[in-house]
């Protein structure tokens, strides 16, 4: 049982790494903070974009990773 949970934890860790690397960076930087970011078509539909889905996947897989870590620590 411990080996199976350890393998699942390893796979979830690799998945988190890959998903974070696939996400796009915040390209606005300081200029976007000072000047403001104009509302474009992409910013209106942000909840349906690939970045939004990747962010949701990061949260869920991160939760799985934390739960597996706690379970493995208890065992």
N, C-alpha and C. Protein backbone atom coordinates (compact mmCIF):
# COMPACT_ATOMS: atom_id res chain seq x y z
N UNK A 1 0.82 -1.20 0.00
CA UNK A 1 0.00 0.00 0.00
C UNK A 1 0.87 1.27 0.00
N UNK A 2 1.93 1.23 0.79
CA UNK A 2 2.81 2.39 0.86
C UNK A 2 3.50 2.64 -0.47
N UNK A 3 3.87 1.58 -1.15
CA UNK A 3 4.55 1.72 -2.45
C UNK A 3 3.61 2.34 -3.47
N UNK A 4 2.37 1.91 -3.48
CA UNK A 4 1.38 2.46 -4.43
C UNK A 4 1.15 3.95 -4.16
N UNK A 5 1.01 4.32 -2.89
CA UNK A 5 0.80 5.73 -2.54
C UNK A 5 2.03 6.57 -2.87
N UNK A 6 3.21 6.01 -2.68
CA UNK A 6 4.44 6.73 -3.01
C UNK A 6 4.54 6.97 -4.51
N UNK A 7 4.17 5.97 -5.30
CA UNK A 7 4.19 6.13 -6.76
C UNK A 7 3.18 7.18 -7.19
N UNK A 8 1.98 7.17 -6.58
CA UNK A 8 0.97 8.19 -6.91
C UNK A 8 1.45 9.58 -6.52
N UNK A 9 2.14 9.68 -5.39
CA UNK A 9 2.67 10.98 -4.98
C UNK A 9 3.75 11.46 -5.95
N UNK A 10 4.59 10.57 -6.40
CA UNK A 10 5.62 10.92 -7.37
C UNK A 10 5.00 11.39 -8.68
N UNK A 11 3.98 10.68 -9.14
CA UNK A 11 3.30 11.08 -10.38
C UNK A 11 2.60 12.43 -10.23
N UNK A 12 1.99 12.68 -9.07
CA UNK A 12 1.35 13.98 -8.87
C UNK A 12 2.38 15.10 -8.79
N UNK A 13 3.55 14.82 -8.21
CA UNK A 13 4.60 15.84 -8.16
C UNK A 13 5.09 16.19 -9.56
N UNK A 14 5.28 15.17 -10.38
CA UNK A 14 5.72 15.41 -11.77
C UNK A 14 4.65 16.18 -12.53
N UNK A 15 3.37 15.83 -12.29
CA UNK A 15 2.27 16.53 -12.97
C UNK A 15 2.23 18.00 -12.57
N UNK A 16 2.43 18.29 -11.29
CA UNK A 16 2.43 19.69 -10.84
C UNK A 16 3.57 20.46 -11.52
N UNK A 17 4.73 19.87 -11.58
CA UNK A 17 5.87 20.53 -12.22
C UNK A 17 5.58 20.84 -13.68
N UNK A 18 5.04 19.86 -14.39
CA UNK A 18 4.74 20.07 -15.82
C UNK A 18 3.65 21.12 -16.04
N UNK A 19 2.61 21.09 -15.21
CA UNK A 19 1.53 22.05 -15.37
C UNK A 19 2.00 23.47 -15.07
N UNK A 20 2.82 23.63 -14.06
CA UNK A 20 3.34 24.97 -13.73
C UNK A 20 4.24 25.47 -14.86
N UNK A 21 5.03 24.58 -15.44
CA UNK A 21 5.89 25.00 -16.55
C UNK A 21 5.09 25.36 -17.80
N UNK A 22 3.92 24.76 -17.97
CA UNK A 22 3.09 25.06 -19.14
C UNK A 22 2.35 26.38 -19.02
N UNK A 23 2.17 26.88 -17.81
CA UNK A 23 1.44 28.12 -17.63
C UNK A 23 2.26 29.30 -18.14
N UNK A 24 1.55 30.27 -18.69
CA UNK A 24 2.25 31.45 -19.18
C UNK A 24 2.55 32.39 -18.03
N UNK A 25 3.63 33.13 -18.15
CA UNK A 25 4.03 34.06 -17.10
C UNK A 25 3.20 35.32 -17.16
N UNK A 26 3.32 36.11 -16.13
CA UNK A 26 2.65 37.41 -16.10
C UNK A 26 3.53 38.40 -16.85
N UNK A 27 3.20 38.64 -18.10
CA UNK A 27 4.06 39.42 -18.98
C UNK A 27 3.91 40.92 -18.78
N UNK A 28 2.87 41.34 -18.08
CA UNK A 28 2.65 42.77 -17.92
C UNK A 28 3.73 43.40 -17.06
N UNK A 29 4.12 42.72 -16.01
CA UNK A 29 5.18 43.23 -15.15
C UNK A 29 4.83 44.55 -14.50
N UNK A 30 5.83 45.39 -14.29
CA UNK A 30 5.63 46.66 -13.61
C UNK A 30 4.85 47.65 -14.48
N UNK A 31 5.03 47.59 -15.78
CA UNK A 31 4.32 48.52 -16.66
C UNK A 31 2.81 48.27 -16.62
N UNK A 32 2.41 47.02 -16.47
CA UNK A 32 0.99 46.72 -16.37
C UNK A 32 0.41 47.16 -15.04
N UNK A 33 1.21 47.14 -14.00
CA UNK A 33 0.73 47.56 -12.68
C UNK A 33 0.56 49.08 -12.62
N UNK A 34 1.44 49.81 -13.29
CA UNK A 34 1.37 51.27 -13.25
C UNK A 34 0.32 51.79 -14.23
N UNK A 35 0.40 51.32 -15.46
CA UNK A 35 -0.48 51.85 -16.49
C UNK A 35 -1.84 51.18 -16.54
N UNK A 36 -2.01 50.07 -15.88
CA UNK A 36 -3.26 49.34 -15.95
C UNK A 36 -3.29 48.47 -17.19
N UNK A 37 -4.05 47.46 -17.14
CA UNK A 37 -4.14 46.53 -18.26
C UNK A 37 -5.48 46.76 -18.94
N UNK A 38 -5.45 47.01 -20.24
CA UNK A 38 -6.70 47.24 -20.96
C UNK A 38 -7.49 45.95 -21.04
N UNK A 39 -8.79 46.09 -21.05
CA UNK A 39 -9.65 44.92 -21.10
C UNK A 39 -9.80 44.47 -22.54
N UNK A 40 -9.24 43.33 -22.84
CA UNK A 40 -9.27 42.80 -24.19
C UNK A 40 -10.18 41.60 -24.24
N UNK A 41 -10.31 41.02 -25.41
CA UNK A 41 -11.13 39.84 -25.58
C UNK A 41 -10.61 38.70 -24.74
N UNK A 42 -9.29 38.55 -24.68
CA UNK A 42 -8.70 37.46 -23.91
C UNK A 42 -8.93 37.64 -22.42
N UNK A 43 -8.87 38.85 -21.92
CA UNK A 43 -9.07 39.05 -20.48
C UNK A 43 -10.54 38.88 -20.09
N UNK A 44 -11.46 39.13 -21.02
CA UNK A 44 -12.87 38.91 -20.73
C UNK A 44 -13.19 37.43 -20.62
N UNK A 45 -12.55 36.62 -21.45
CA UNK A 45 -12.81 35.18 -21.47
C UNK A 45 -11.74 34.40 -20.74
N UNK A 46 -11.17 35.00 -19.71
CA UNK A 46 -10.06 34.35 -19.00
C UNK A 46 -10.47 33.06 -18.33
N UNK A 47 -11.72 32.96 -17.88
CA UNK A 47 -12.15 31.75 -17.18
C UNK A 47 -12.22 30.55 -18.11
N UNK A 48 -12.30 30.78 -19.40
CA UNK A 48 -12.38 29.68 -20.35
C UNK A 48 -11.04 29.40 -21.05
N UNK A 49 -10.03 30.14 -20.70
CA UNK A 49 -8.75 30.01 -21.40
C UNK A 49 -7.95 28.82 -20.88
N UNK A 50 -6.90 28.51 -21.59
CA UNK A 50 -6.02 27.41 -21.22
C UNK A 50 -5.33 27.69 -19.88
N UNK A 51 -4.95 28.94 -19.66
CA UNK A 51 -4.29 29.29 -18.39
C UNK A 51 -5.22 29.07 -17.20
N UNK A 52 -6.50 29.37 -17.37
CA UNK A 52 -7.45 29.16 -16.28
C UNK A 52 -7.61 27.67 -15.98
N UNK A 53 -7.66 26.86 -17.03
CA UNK A 53 -7.78 25.42 -16.81
C UNK A 53 -6.52 24.86 -16.17
N UNK A 54 -5.37 25.35 -16.59
CA UNK A 54 -4.12 24.90 -15.98
C UNK A 54 -4.04 25.32 -14.51
N UNK A 55 -4.54 26.50 -14.19
CA UNK A 55 -4.53 26.96 -12.80
C UNK A 55 -5.43 26.07 -11.93
N UNK A 56 -6.59 25.69 -12.47
CA UNK A 56 -7.49 24.80 -11.73
C UNK A 56 -6.85 23.43 -11.55
N UNK A 57 -6.21 22.94 -12.59
CA UNK A 57 -5.55 21.64 -12.48
C UNK A 57 -4.42 21.69 -11.46
N UNK A 58 -3.71 22.80 -11.39
CA UNK A 58 -2.63 22.94 -10.42
C UNK A 58 -3.18 22.86 -9.01
N UNK A 59 -4.30 23.52 -8.76
CA UNK A 59 -4.90 23.49 -7.43
C UNK A 59 -5.33 22.08 -7.04
N UNK A 60 -6.00 21.37 -7.95
CA UNK A 60 -6.51 20.04 -7.62
C UNK A 60 -5.38 19.02 -7.46
N UNK A 61 -4.41 19.06 -8.34
CA UNK A 61 -3.30 18.12 -8.23
C UNK A 61 -2.44 18.46 -7.01
N UNK A 62 -2.33 19.73 -6.69
CA UNK A 62 -1.63 20.13 -5.47
C UNK A 62 -2.34 19.61 -4.23
N UNK A 63 -3.67 19.64 -4.23
CA UNK A 63 -4.44 19.10 -3.13
C UNK A 63 -4.22 17.59 -2.99
N UNK A 64 -4.21 16.89 -4.12
CA UNK A 64 -3.95 15.45 -4.11
C UNK A 64 -2.56 15.17 -3.54
N UNK A 65 -1.59 15.97 -3.94
CA UNK A 65 -0.23 15.80 -3.46
C UNK A 65 -0.14 15.98 -1.95
N UNK A 66 -0.80 17.01 -1.43
CA UNK A 66 -0.77 17.28 0.01
C UNK A 66 -1.47 16.15 0.77
N UNK A 67 -2.61 15.69 0.28
CA UNK A 67 -3.34 14.60 0.95
C UNK A 67 -2.49 13.33 0.95
N UNK A 68 -1.87 13.02 -0.17
CA UNK A 68 -1.01 11.84 -0.22
C UNK A 68 0.17 11.97 0.73
N UNK A 69 0.72 13.16 0.85
CA UNK A 69 1.83 13.38 1.77
C UNK A 69 1.39 13.14 3.22
N UNK A 70 0.23 13.65 3.58
CA UNK A 70 -0.27 13.45 4.93
C UNK A 70 -0.56 11.96 5.20
N UNK A 71 -1.19 11.29 4.24
CA UNK A 71 -1.50 9.87 4.41
C UNK A 71 -0.21 9.05 4.55
N UNK A 72 0.77 9.35 3.72
CA UNK A 72 2.04 8.62 3.82
C UNK A 72 2.76 8.90 5.13
N UNK A 73 2.61 10.10 5.64
CA UNK A 73 3.22 10.43 6.92
C UNK A 73 2.56 9.68 8.08
N UNK A 74 1.26 9.50 7.99
CA UNK A 74 0.52 8.76 9.02
C UNK A 74 0.89 7.28 8.98
N UNK A 75 1.05 6.75 7.76
CA UNK A 75 1.41 5.33 7.64
C UNK A 75 2.82 5.13 8.10
